[in-house]
């Protein structure tokens, strides 16, 4: 079973994450940050990864620690659920259009974290959400998930659309990458023999 549960507690946040890589995209995400919950719901729904997240943070300061620490815990849960990555496709990609926005994602579940982020959100806020936190989430997620993650905005005028297209593009690429490769059985998808 490709499932994982992670709990992370610091002086700033309390986070719990449950994942099922072989799910249907069911979600129940409650972080106390409304727009972020909406984005996490998109991540689950479009990756077909069942996801339950609970987070409490130091909201009296801002949402930064909650968003970043959720990315850390989610990356750790993904890595734990993947185990040694036998039989997965490993790579995924997606061009995701959403109204005025188009975002491209390519990723590799390589175990070598690296983020390339070419996304320009034109406003500082989406509602009360700081748009710079979108990148902070993906930085934490890629680092702790061991993901080489490239996200490129091709078009876009509306910050909400661009951010949502980014989350959906990553989700769709992730869906491909975690799926079983029927031609490879339980082989490690690397000539090194390990990831």
N, C-alpha and C. Protein backbone atom coordinates (compact mmCIF):
# COMPACT_ATOMS: atom_id res chain seq x y z
N UNK A 1 0.84 -1.19 0.00
CA UNK A 1 0.00 0.00 0.00
C UNK A 1 0.88 1.24 0.00
N UNK A 2 0.64 2.11 -0.96
CA UNK A 2 1.46 3.31 -1.08
C UNK A 2 0.78 4.46 -0.32
N UNK A 3 0.89 4.37 1.00
CA UNK A 3 0.27 5.35 1.88
C UNK A 3 1.32 5.86 2.86
N UNK A 4 1.04 7.05 3.42
CA UNK A 4 1.93 7.58 4.45
C UNK A 4 1.16 8.56 5.32
N UNK A 5 1.60 8.63 6.57
CA UNK A 5 1.10 9.62 7.52
C UNK A 5 2.31 10.30 8.14
N UNK A 6 2.29 11.62 8.16
CA UNK A 6 3.39 12.40 8.71
C UNK A 6 2.80 13.43 9.68
N UNK A 7 3.44 13.57 10.82
CA UNK A 7 3.10 14.64 11.76
C UNK A 7 4.34 15.47 11.99
N UNK A 8 4.16 16.77 11.99
CA UNK A 8 5.28 17.70 12.19
C UNK A 8 4.84 18.77 13.18
N UNK A 9 5.59 18.92 14.24
CA UNK A 9 5.25 19.93 15.25
C UNK A 9 6.47 20.77 15.56
N UNK A 10 6.30 22.08 15.48
CA UNK A 10 7.36 23.02 15.84
C UNK A 10 6.76 24.07 16.76
N UNK A 11 7.56 25.03 17.16
CA UNK A 11 7.06 26.14 17.97
C UNK A 11 6.13 27.04 17.16
N UNK A 12 6.13 26.87 15.83
CA UNK A 12 5.33 27.74 14.96
C UNK A 12 4.09 27.07 14.38
N UNK A 13 4.16 25.75 14.17
CA UNK A 13 3.06 25.05 13.50
C UNK A 13 2.87 23.64 14.03
N UNK A 14 1.67 23.11 13.80
CA UNK A 14 1.37 21.69 13.99
C UNK A 14 0.71 21.21 12.70
N UNK A 15 1.34 20.25 12.05
CA UNK A 15 0.88 19.77 10.74
C UNK A 15 0.72 18.25 10.79
N UNK A 16 -0.36 17.74 10.20
CA UNK A 16 -0.49 16.31 9.96
C UNK A 16 -0.95 16.10 8.53
N UNK A 17 -0.36 15.10 7.88
CA UNK A 17 -0.66 14.79 6.49
C UNK A 17 -0.88 13.30 6.35
N UNK A 18 -1.94 12.91 5.67
CA UNK A 18 -2.17 11.52 5.28
C UNK A 18 -2.34 11.47 3.77
N UNK A 19 -1.61 10.54 3.14
CA UNK A 19 -1.64 10.39 1.68
C UNK A 19 -1.91 8.96 1.29
N UNK A 20 -2.64 8.80 0.18
CA UNK A 20 -2.79 7.51 -0.49
C UNK A 20 -2.53 7.76 -1.97
N UNK A 21 -1.39 7.29 -2.46
CA UNK A 21 -1.01 7.53 -3.85
C UNK A 21 -1.94 6.83 -4.84
N UNK A 22 -2.64 5.79 -4.39
CA UNK A 22 -3.51 5.03 -5.28
C UNK A 22 -4.97 5.36 -5.02
N UNK A 23 -5.24 6.61 -4.76
CA UNK A 23 -6.59 7.04 -4.44
C UNK A 23 -7.37 7.50 -5.66
N UNK A 24 -8.36 8.32 -5.39
CA UNK A 24 -9.24 8.85 -6.44
C UNK A 24 -9.24 10.37 -6.45
N UNK A 25 -8.36 10.96 -5.64
CA UNK A 25 -8.32 12.42 -5.55
C UNK A 25 -9.21 12.97 -4.45
N UNK A 26 -9.61 12.13 -3.52
CA UNK A 26 -10.42 12.59 -2.39
C UNK A 26 -9.57 13.50 -1.51
N UNK A 27 -10.20 14.51 -0.91
CA UNK A 27 -9.43 15.45 -0.09
C UNK A 27 -10.25 15.97 1.08
N UNK A 28 -9.52 16.32 2.12
CA UNK A 28 -10.09 16.96 3.30
C UNK A 28 -8.96 17.78 3.92
N UNK A 29 -8.80 19.00 3.44
CA UNK A 29 -7.66 19.84 3.81
C UNK A 29 -8.12 21.05 4.59
N UNK A 30 -7.58 21.21 5.78
CA UNK A 30 -7.95 22.32 6.64
C UNK A 30 -6.68 22.89 7.28
N UNK A 31 -6.20 23.99 6.70
CA UNK A 31 -4.97 24.61 7.18
C UNK A 31 -5.22 25.94 7.90
N UNK A 32 -6.43 26.43 7.84
CA UNK A 32 -6.71 27.75 8.39
C UNK A 32 -6.41 28.87 7.42
N UNK A 33 -5.97 28.52 6.21
CA UNK A 33 -5.66 29.51 5.17
C UNK A 33 -6.54 29.16 3.97
N UNK A 34 -7.62 29.91 3.78
CA UNK A 34 -8.66 29.54 2.82
C UNK A 34 -8.19 29.30 1.40
N UNK A 35 -7.46 30.25 0.83
CA UNK A 35 -7.00 30.08 -0.55
C UNK A 35 -6.05 28.89 -0.67
N UNK A 36 -5.20 28.71 0.32
CA UNK A 36 -4.26 27.59 0.31
C UNK A 36 -5.02 26.26 0.35
N UNK A 37 -6.06 26.17 1.18
CA UNK A 37 -6.88 24.95 1.19
C UNK A 37 -7.44 24.66 -0.20
N UNK A 38 -7.91 25.70 -0.87
CA UNK A 38 -8.44 25.56 -2.23
C UNK A 38 -7.37 25.00 -3.17
N UNK A 39 -6.15 25.47 -3.04
CA UNK A 39 -5.06 24.98 -3.89
C UNK A 39 -4.68 23.54 -3.55
N UNK A 40 -4.65 23.21 -2.26
CA UNK A 40 -4.36 21.83 -1.86
C UNK A 40 -5.44 20.87 -2.35
N UNK A 41 -6.69 21.33 -2.34
CA UNK A 41 -7.79 20.52 -2.88
C UNK A 41 -7.56 20.23 -4.37
N UNK A 42 -7.09 21.25 -5.11
CA UNK A 42 -6.80 21.06 -6.53
C UNK A 42 -5.65 20.06 -6.72
N UNK A 43 -4.64 20.18 -5.85
CA UNK A 43 -3.49 19.28 -5.93
C UNK A 43 -3.93 17.83 -5.76
N UNK A 44 -4.80 17.59 -4.79
CA UNK A 44 -5.30 16.23 -4.55
C UNK A 44 -6.17 15.76 -5.71
N UNK A 45 -7.14 16.58 -6.06
CA UNK A 45 -8.14 16.19 -7.07
C UNK A 45 -7.49 15.84 -8.41
N UNK A 46 -6.51 16.64 -8.82
CA UNK A 46 -5.94 16.44 -10.16
C UNK A 46 -4.77 15.48 -10.18
N UNK A 47 -4.21 15.15 -9.03
CA UNK A 47 -3.17 14.13 -8.98
C UNK A 47 -3.75 12.74 -8.72
N UNK A 48 -5.02 12.68 -8.30
CA UNK A 48 -5.69 11.46 -7.86
C UNK A 48 -5.03 10.86 -6.63
N UNK A 49 -4.36 11.71 -5.87
CA UNK A 49 -3.78 11.31 -4.59
C UNK A 49 -4.75 11.71 -3.49
N UNK A 50 -5.25 10.75 -2.73
CA UNK A 50 -6.11 11.08 -1.59
C UNK A 50 -5.26 11.81 -0.56
N UNK A 51 -5.81 12.90 -0.01
CA UNK A 51 -5.03 13.77 0.83
C UNK A 51 -5.87 14.33 1.97
N UNK A 52 -5.39 14.16 3.17
CA UNK A 52 -6.00 14.78 4.34
C UNK A 52 -4.92 15.56 5.08
N UNK A 53 -5.13 16.85 5.22
CA UNK A 53 -4.14 17.71 5.86
C UNK A 53 -4.83 18.52 6.96
N UNK A 54 -4.19 18.58 8.09
CA UNK A 54 -4.61 19.45 9.19
C UNK A 54 -3.42 20.30 9.57
N UNK A 55 -3.64 21.59 9.69
CA UNK A 55 -2.55 22.49 10.07
C UNK A 55 -3.08 23.57 11.01
N UNK A 56 -2.26 23.88 11.99
CA UNK A 56 -2.47 25.03 12.87
C UNK A 56 -1.17 25.80 12.89
N UNK A 57 -1.26 27.12 12.73
CA UNK A 57 -0.03 27.90 12.67
C UNK A 57 -0.13 29.20 13.42
N UNK A 58 0.95 29.92 13.38
CA UNK A 58 1.04 31.23 14.05
C UNK A 58 0.46 32.32 13.13
N UNK A 59 -0.84 32.23 12.89
CA UNK A 59 -1.52 33.14 11.97
C UNK A 59 -1.44 34.59 12.42
N UNK A 60 -1.22 34.82 13.72
CA UNK A 60 -1.12 36.19 14.22
C UNK A 60 0.12 36.89 13.65
N UNK A 61 1.07 36.09 13.16
CA UNK A 61 2.24 36.67 12.48
C UNK A 61 1.92 36.83 11.00
N UNK A 62 1.72 35.72 10.33
CA UNK A 62 1.22 35.67 8.95
C UNK A 62 1.03 34.20 8.60
N UNK A 63 0.82 33.89 7.32
CA UNK A 63 0.56 32.52 6.90
C UNK A 63 1.82 31.78 6.45
N UNK A 64 2.96 32.45 6.48
CA UNK A 64 4.18 31.90 5.90
C UNK A 64 4.56 30.55 6.50
N UNK A 65 4.66 30.47 7.81
CA UNK A 65 5.11 29.22 8.43
C UNK A 65 4.14 28.08 8.17
N UNK A 66 2.85 28.38 8.18
CA UNK A 66 1.84 27.34 7.94
C UNK A 66 1.97 26.78 6.53
N UNK A 67 2.11 27.65 5.55
CA UNK A 67 2.21 27.21 4.16
C UNK A 67 3.51 26.46 3.92
N UNK A 68 4.62 27.02 4.39
CA UNK A 68 5.92 26.37 4.18
C UNK A 68 5.98 25.01 4.89
N UNK A 69 5.54 24.96 6.14
CA UNK A 69 5.62 23.71 6.89
C UNK A 69 4.67 22.65 6.34
N UNK A 70 3.56 23.08 5.77
CA UNK A 70 2.68 22.12 5.08
C UNK A 70 3.40 21.53 3.87
N UNK A 71 4.12 22.36 3.14
CA UNK A 71 4.92 21.87 2.01
C UNK A 71 5.98 20.87 2.45
N UNK A 72 6.61 21.15 3.59
CA UNK A 72 7.62 20.23 4.13
C UNK A 72 6.98 18.88 4.46
N UNK A 73 5.88 18.91 5.21
CA UNK A 73 5.23 17.66 5.64
C UNK A 73 4.66 16.90 4.45
N UNK A 74 4.10 17.62 3.48
CA UNK A 74 3.54 16.95 2.30
C UNK A 74 4.65 16.29 1.48
N UNK A 75 5.78 16.97 1.34
CA UNK A 75 6.92 16.37 0.64
C UNK A 75 7.42 15.13 1.36
N UNK A 76 7.52 15.18 2.69
CA UNK A 76 7.95 14.03 3.46
C UNK A 76 6.98 12.86 3.32
N UNK A 77 5.68 13.17 3.31
CA UNK A 77 4.68 12.11 3.16
C UNK A 77 4.76 11.48 1.77
N UNK A 78 4.96 12.30 0.75
CA UNK A 78 5.10 11.76 -0.61
C UNK A 78 6.30 10.83 -0.69
N UNK A 79 7.43 11.26 -0.16
CA UNK A 79 8.64 10.45 -0.19
C UNK A 79 8.44 9.13 0.55
N UNK A 80 7.79 9.19 1.71
CA UNK A 80 7.53 7.97 2.49
C UNK A 80 6.59 7.02 1.75
N UNK A 81 5.56 7.56 1.11
CA UNK A 81 4.59 6.73 0.40
C UNK A 81 5.22 6.08 -0.83
N UNK A 82 6.17 6.75 -1.46
CA UNK A 82 6.83 6.20 -2.64
C UNK A 82 7.84 5.10 -2.30
N UNK A 83 8.34 5.11 -1.08
CA UNK A 83 9.32 4.09 -0.69
C UNK A 83 10.54 4.14 -1.59
N UNK A 84 10.95 2.99 -2.12
CA UNK A 84 12.14 2.96 -2.98
C UNK A 84 11.80 3.25 -4.44
N UNK A 85 10.53 3.56 -4.72
CA UNK A 85 10.06 4.02 -6.03
C UNK A 85 10.06 2.92 -7.10
N UNK A 86 10.01 1.68 -6.66
CA UNK A 86 9.96 0.59 -7.63
C UNK A 86 8.70 0.68 -8.49
N UNK A 87 8.90 0.52 -9.79
CA UNK A 87 7.79 0.38 -10.71
C UNK A 87 7.07 1.65 -11.11
N UNK A 88 7.50 2.81 -10.61
CA UNK A 88 6.81 4.05 -10.98
C UNK A 88 7.33 4.58 -12.32
N UNK A 89 6.55 5.48 -12.90
CA UNK A 89 6.98 6.12 -14.15
C UNK A 89 8.11 7.11 -13.92
N UNK A 90 8.13 7.74 -12.75
CA UNK A 90 9.17 8.66 -12.29
C UNK A 90 9.03 10.06 -12.86
N UNK A 91 8.79 10.22 -14.13
CA UNK A 91 8.69 11.54 -14.76
C UNK A 91 7.23 11.88 -15.04
N UNK A 92 6.94 13.19 -15.04
CA UNK A 92 5.62 13.65 -15.43
C UNK A 92 5.69 15.06 -15.97
N UNK A 93 4.72 15.38 -16.80
CA UNK A 93 4.68 16.74 -17.36
C UNK A 93 3.24 17.10 -17.71
N UNK A 94 2.99 18.42 -17.77
CA UNK A 94 1.66 18.90 -18.10
C UNK A 94 1.73 20.36 -18.56
N UNK A 95 0.96 20.67 -19.59
CA UNK A 95 0.67 22.05 -19.96
C UNK A 95 -0.76 22.29 -19.54
N UNK A 96 -0.98 23.22 -18.61
CA UNK A 96 -2.31 23.39 -18.03
C UNK A 96 -2.85 24.78 -18.37
N UNK A 97 -3.93 24.86 -19.18
CA UNK A 97 -4.56 26.14 -19.43
C UNK A 97 -5.68 26.41 -18.42
N UNK A 98 -5.77 27.64 -17.98
CA UNK A 98 -6.89 28.07 -17.15
C UNK A 98 -7.21 29.51 -17.53
N UNK A 99 -8.23 29.65 -18.37
CA UNK A 99 -8.63 30.97 -18.86
C UNK A 99 -7.43 31.70 -19.46
N UNK A 100 -7.02 32.82 -18.89
CA UNK A 100 -5.92 33.61 -19.44
C UNK A 100 -4.56 32.98 -19.16
N UNK A 101 -4.50 32.04 -18.22
CA UNK A 101 -3.22 31.50 -17.77
C UNK A 101 -2.90 30.16 -18.42
N UNK A 102 -1.62 29.95 -18.68
CA UNK A 102 -1.12 28.64 -19.08
C UNK A 102 0.20 28.41 -18.35
N UNK A 103 0.26 27.29 -17.65
CA UNK A 103 1.45 26.95 -16.88
C UNK A 103 1.91 25.56 -17.29
N UNK A 104 3.22 25.43 -17.45
CA UNK A 104 3.83 24.14 -17.82
C UNK A 104 4.61 23.62 -16.63
N UNK A 105 4.45 22.33 -16.36
CA UNK A 105 5.22 21.68 -15.30
C UNK A 105 5.89 20.44 -15.86
N UNK A 106 7.13 20.25 -15.49
CA UNK A 106 7.84 18.98 -15.73
C UNK A 106 8.52 18.62 -14.42
N UNK A 107 8.42 17.34 -14.04
CA UNK A 107 9.03 16.94 -12.78
C UNK A 107 9.63 15.55 -12.87
N UNK A 108 10.55 15.31 -11.96
CA UNK A 108 11.26 14.04 -11.87
C UNK A 108 11.34 13.67 -10.39
N UNK A 109 10.83 12.51 -10.05
CA UNK A 109 10.89 12.02 -8.67
C UNK A 109 12.26 11.36 -8.44
N UNK A 110 13.28 12.16 -8.62
CA UNK A 110 14.66 11.69 -8.71
C UNK A 110 15.33 11.50 -7.36
N UNK A 111 14.78 12.10 -6.32
CA UNK A 111 15.48 12.14 -5.04
C UNK A 111 16.48 13.29 -4.97
N UNK A 112 16.59 14.05 -6.07
CA UNK A 112 17.49 15.21 -6.13
C UNK A 112 16.64 16.47 -6.21
N UNK A 113 16.36 17.10 -5.08
CA UNK A 113 15.46 18.25 -5.09
C UNK A 113 16.07 19.45 -5.80
N UNK A 114 15.25 20.06 -6.66
CA UNK A 114 15.65 21.30 -7.33
C UNK A 114 14.38 21.96 -7.84
N UNK A 115 14.24 23.24 -7.60
CA UNK A 115 13.07 23.98 -8.09
C UNK A 115 13.51 25.03 -9.08
N UNK A 116 12.90 24.99 -10.26
CA UNK A 116 13.00 26.08 -11.24
C UNK A 116 11.61 26.70 -11.29
N UNK A 117 11.52 27.98 -10.96
CA UNK A 117 10.24 28.67 -10.78
C UNK A 117 10.21 29.92 -11.66
N UNK A 118 9.59 29.82 -12.80
CA UNK A 118 9.43 30.96 -13.71
C UNK A 118 7.96 31.35 -13.76
N UNK A 119 7.48 31.88 -12.65
CA UNK A 119 6.08 32.25 -12.50
C UNK A 119 6.03 33.67 -11.94
N UNK A 120 5.26 34.52 -12.59
CA UNK A 120 5.13 35.91 -12.17
C UNK A 120 3.68 36.19 -11.81
N UNK A 121 3.41 36.22 -10.52
CA UNK A 121 2.06 36.54 -10.06
C UNK A 121 1.96 38.06 -9.96
N UNK A 122 1.08 38.69 -10.75
CA UNK A 122 1.11 40.15 -10.89
C UNK A 122 0.63 40.94 -9.68
N UNK A 123 -0.03 40.30 -8.72
CA UNK A 123 -0.48 41.00 -7.53
C UNK A 123 0.19 40.40 -6.30
N UNK A 124 0.29 41.20 -5.26
CA UNK A 124 0.90 40.73 -4.02
C UNK A 124 -0.02 39.86 -3.18
N UNK A 125 -1.30 39.94 -3.46
CA UNK A 125 -2.30 39.20 -2.67
C UNK A 125 -3.33 38.56 -3.60
N UNK A 126 -3.84 37.41 -3.16
CA UNK A 126 -5.06 36.83 -3.72
C UNK A 126 -6.00 36.75 -2.53
N UNK A 127 -6.95 37.66 -2.46
CA UNK A 127 -7.72 37.82 -1.25
C UNK A 127 -6.79 38.29 -0.14
N UNK A 128 -6.65 37.50 0.91
CA UNK A 128 -5.72 37.84 2.00
C UNK A 128 -4.43 37.02 1.91
N UNK A 129 -4.31 36.18 0.89
CA UNK A 129 -3.17 35.27 0.75
C UNK A 129 -2.01 35.96 0.05
N UNK A 130 -0.81 35.89 0.65
CA UNK A 130 0.39 36.46 0.04
C UNK A 130 0.83 35.58 -1.12
N UNK A 131 0.87 36.14 -2.33
CA UNK A 131 1.17 35.33 -3.51
C UNK A 131 2.59 34.76 -3.49
N UNK A 132 3.52 35.41 -2.78
CA UNK A 132 4.89 34.86 -2.72
C UNK A 132 4.93 33.50 -2.03
N UNK A 133 3.86 33.16 -1.29
CA UNK A 133 3.83 31.88 -0.59
C UNK A 133 3.60 30.70 -1.54
N UNK A 134 3.14 30.95 -2.76
CA UNK A 134 2.98 29.85 -3.72
C UNK A 134 4.35 29.24 -3.99
N UNK A 135 5.33 30.10 -4.27
CA UNK A 135 6.68 29.58 -4.49
C UNK A 135 7.25 28.94 -3.23
N UNK A 136 7.01 29.53 -2.08
CA UNK A 136 7.51 28.97 -0.83
C UNK A 136 6.99 27.55 -0.60
N UNK A 137 5.71 27.34 -0.92
CA UNK A 137 5.14 26.00 -0.79
C UNK A 137 5.86 25.01 -1.70
N UNK A 138 6.01 25.37 -2.97
CA UNK A 138 6.62 24.43 -3.91
C UNK A 138 8.10 24.22 -3.62
N UNK A 139 8.78 25.23 -3.09
CA UNK A 139 10.18 25.04 -2.69
C UNK A 139 10.28 23.99 -1.59
N UNK A 140 9.43 24.12 -0.57
CA UNK A 140 9.43 23.16 0.54
C UNK A 140 9.01 21.77 0.08
N UNK A 141 8.00 21.71 -0.76
CA UNK A 141 7.49 20.44 -1.27
C UNK A 141 8.55 19.71 -2.10
N UNK A 142 9.21 20.43 -3.00
CA UNK A 142 10.22 19.79 -3.85
C UNK A 142 11.44 19.37 -3.03
N UNK A 143 11.85 20.20 -2.09
CA UNK A 143 13.02 19.88 -1.27
C UNK A 143 12.79 18.63 -0.44
N UNK A 144 11.66 18.56 0.25
CA UNK A 144 11.41 17.45 1.17
C UNK A 144 10.79 16.23 0.49
N UNK A 145 10.30 16.42 -0.74
CA UNK A 145 9.81 15.30 -1.52
C UNK A 145 10.86 14.71 -2.43
N UNK A 146 12.04 15.35 -2.51
CA UNK A 146 13.10 14.88 -3.40
C UNK A 146 12.72 15.00 -4.86
N UNK A 147 12.10 16.12 -5.22
CA UNK A 147 11.55 16.31 -6.56
C UNK A 147 12.35 17.36 -7.32
N UNK A 148 12.79 17.03 -8.52
CA UNK A 148 13.25 18.04 -9.46
C UNK A 148 11.99 18.60 -10.12
N UNK A 149 11.71 19.88 -9.86
CA UNK A 149 10.42 20.47 -10.24
C UNK A 149 10.64 21.74 -11.03
N UNK A 150 10.15 21.75 -12.26
CA UNK A 150 10.22 22.93 -13.12
C UNK A 150 8.79 23.42 -13.37
N UNK A 151 8.54 24.68 -13.05
CA UNK A 151 7.23 25.27 -13.25
C UNK A 151 7.43 26.57 -14.03
N UNK A 152 6.82 26.65 -15.21
CA UNK A 152 6.98 27.80 -16.09
C UNK A 152 5.63 28.37 -16.50
N UNK A 153 5.46 29.64 -16.29
CA UNK A 153 4.25 30.35 -16.73
C UNK A 153 4.46 30.79 -18.17
N UNK A 154 3.57 30.36 -19.06
CA UNK A 154 3.65 30.76 -20.45
C UNK A 154 2.81 32.00 -20.73
N UNK A 155 1.66 32.09 -20.06
CA UNK A 155 0.75 33.23 -20.19
C UNK A 155 0.09 33.45 -18.85
N UNK A 156 -0.53 34.61 -18.71
CA UNK A 156 -1.34 34.83 -17.52
C UNK A 156 -1.43 36.28 -17.13
N UNK A 157 -2.65 36.69 -16.76
CA UNK A 157 -2.94 38.04 -16.33
C UNK A 157 -3.47 38.08 -14.89
N UNK A 158 -4.19 37.04 -14.50
CA UNK A 158 -4.90 37.00 -13.23
C UNK A 158 -4.15 36.11 -12.25
N UNK A 159 -3.79 36.66 -11.09
CA UNK A 159 -2.98 35.92 -10.12
C UNK A 159 -3.64 34.62 -9.67
N UNK A 160 -4.96 34.67 -9.43
CA UNK A 160 -5.67 33.46 -9.00
C UNK A 160 -5.56 32.38 -10.07
N UNK A 161 -5.79 32.76 -11.31
CA UNK A 161 -5.72 31.78 -12.40
C UNK A 161 -4.32 31.20 -12.56
N UNK A 162 -3.30 32.06 -12.45
CA UNK A 162 -1.93 31.60 -12.62
C UNK A 162 -1.56 30.62 -11.50
N UNK A 163 -1.87 31.01 -10.26
CA UNK A 163 -1.55 30.13 -9.12
C UNK A 163 -2.29 28.80 -9.23
N UNK A 164 -3.57 28.85 -9.57
CA UNK A 164 -4.34 27.62 -9.67
C UNK A 164 -3.84 26.74 -10.81
N UNK A 165 -3.47 27.38 -11.93
CA UNK A 165 -2.91 26.61 -13.04
C UNK A 165 -1.61 25.95 -12.62
N UNK A 166 -0.81 26.61 -11.80
CA UNK A 166 0.45 26.01 -11.32
C UNK A 166 0.17 24.78 -10.46
N UNK A 167 -0.75 24.90 -9.52
CA UNK A 167 -1.07 23.76 -8.67
C UNK A 167 -1.64 22.59 -9.49
N UNK A 168 -2.50 22.90 -10.44
CA UNK A 168 -3.10 21.84 -11.25
C UNK A 168 -2.07 21.20 -12.18
N UNK A 169 -1.17 22.01 -12.74
CA UNK A 169 -0.13 21.47 -13.62
C UNK A 169 0.80 20.53 -12.83
N UNK A 170 1.20 20.94 -11.63
CA UNK A 170 2.03 20.08 -10.79
C UNK A 170 1.27 18.80 -10.45
N UNK A 171 -0.01 18.94 -10.15
CA UNK A 171 -0.83 17.77 -9.80
C UNK A 171 -0.89 16.77 -10.94
N UNK A 172 -1.14 17.27 -12.14
CA UNK A 172 -1.26 16.38 -13.30
C UNK A 172 0.08 15.71 -13.63
N UNK A 173 1.17 16.44 -13.48
CA UNK A 173 2.49 15.85 -13.70
C UNK A 173 2.80 14.82 -12.62
N UNK A 174 2.43 15.13 -11.40
CA UNK A 174 2.65 14.21 -10.29
C UNK A 174 1.86 12.92 -10.49
N UNK A 175 0.64 13.06 -10.99
CA UNK A 175 -0.19 11.88 -11.27
C UNK A 175 0.54 10.92 -12.21
N UNK A 176 1.12 11.45 -13.27
CA UNK A 176 1.86 10.60 -14.20
C UNK A 176 3.06 9.94 -13.53
N UNK A 177 3.80 10.75 -12.77
CA UNK A 177 5.07 10.28 -12.23
C UNK A 177 4.91 9.18 -11.18
N UNK A 178 3.86 9.25 -10.37
CA UNK A 178 3.69 8.25 -9.31
C UNK A 178 3.01 6.98 -9.79
N UNK A 179 2.43 7.02 -11.00
CA UNK A 179 1.71 5.84 -11.51
C UNK A 179 2.67 4.69 -11.79
N UNK A 180 2.14 3.50 -11.66
CA UNK A 180 2.90 2.30 -11.99
C UNK A 180 3.14 2.24 -13.49
N UNK A 181 4.34 1.87 -13.86
CA UNK A 181 4.68 1.67 -15.27
C UNK A 181 4.48 0.19 -15.58
N UNK A 182 3.44 -0.15 -16.36
CA UNK A 182 3.13 -1.57 -16.57
C UNK A 182 4.22 -2.33 -17.32
N UNK A 183 5.13 -1.63 -17.96
CA UNK A 183 6.19 -2.31 -18.70
C UNK A 183 7.43 -2.58 -17.86
N UNK A 184 7.47 -2.02 -16.63
CA UNK A 184 8.69 -2.13 -15.83
C UNK A 184 8.54 -3.01 -14.59
N UNK A 185 7.35 -3.51 -14.31
CA UNK A 185 7.19 -4.36 -13.14
C UNK A 185 7.58 -3.63 -11.87
N UNK A 186 8.47 -4.24 -11.09
CA UNK A 186 8.90 -3.60 -9.85
C UNK A 186 10.33 -3.08 -9.94
N UNK A 187 10.77 -2.78 -11.16
CA UNK A 187 12.14 -2.29 -11.35
C UNK A 187 12.26 -0.84 -10.86
N UNK A 188 13.45 -0.51 -10.38
CA UNK A 188 13.76 0.88 -10.04
C UNK A 188 13.97 1.63 -11.34
N UNK A 189 13.29 2.79 -11.54
CA UNK A 189 13.39 3.51 -12.81
C UNK A 189 14.67 4.35 -12.94
N UNK A 190 15.81 3.67 -12.85
CA UNK A 190 17.10 4.34 -12.98
C UNK A 190 18.16 3.30 -13.31
N UNK A 191 19.12 3.69 -14.16
CA UNK A 191 20.23 2.78 -14.47
C UNK A 191 21.16 2.63 -13.26
N UNK A 192 21.04 3.54 -12.28
CA UNK A 192 21.85 3.43 -11.06
C UNK A 192 21.38 2.29 -10.16
N UNK A 193 20.11 1.90 -10.34
CA UNK A 193 19.55 0.85 -9.49
C UNK A 193 18.97 1.38 -8.19
N UNK A 194 19.02 2.70 -8.02
CA UNK A 194 18.43 3.32 -6.83
C UNK A 194 18.09 4.77 -7.14
N UNK A 195 17.10 5.29 -6.44
CA UNK A 195 16.74 6.71 -6.56
C UNK A 195 16.76 7.32 -5.17
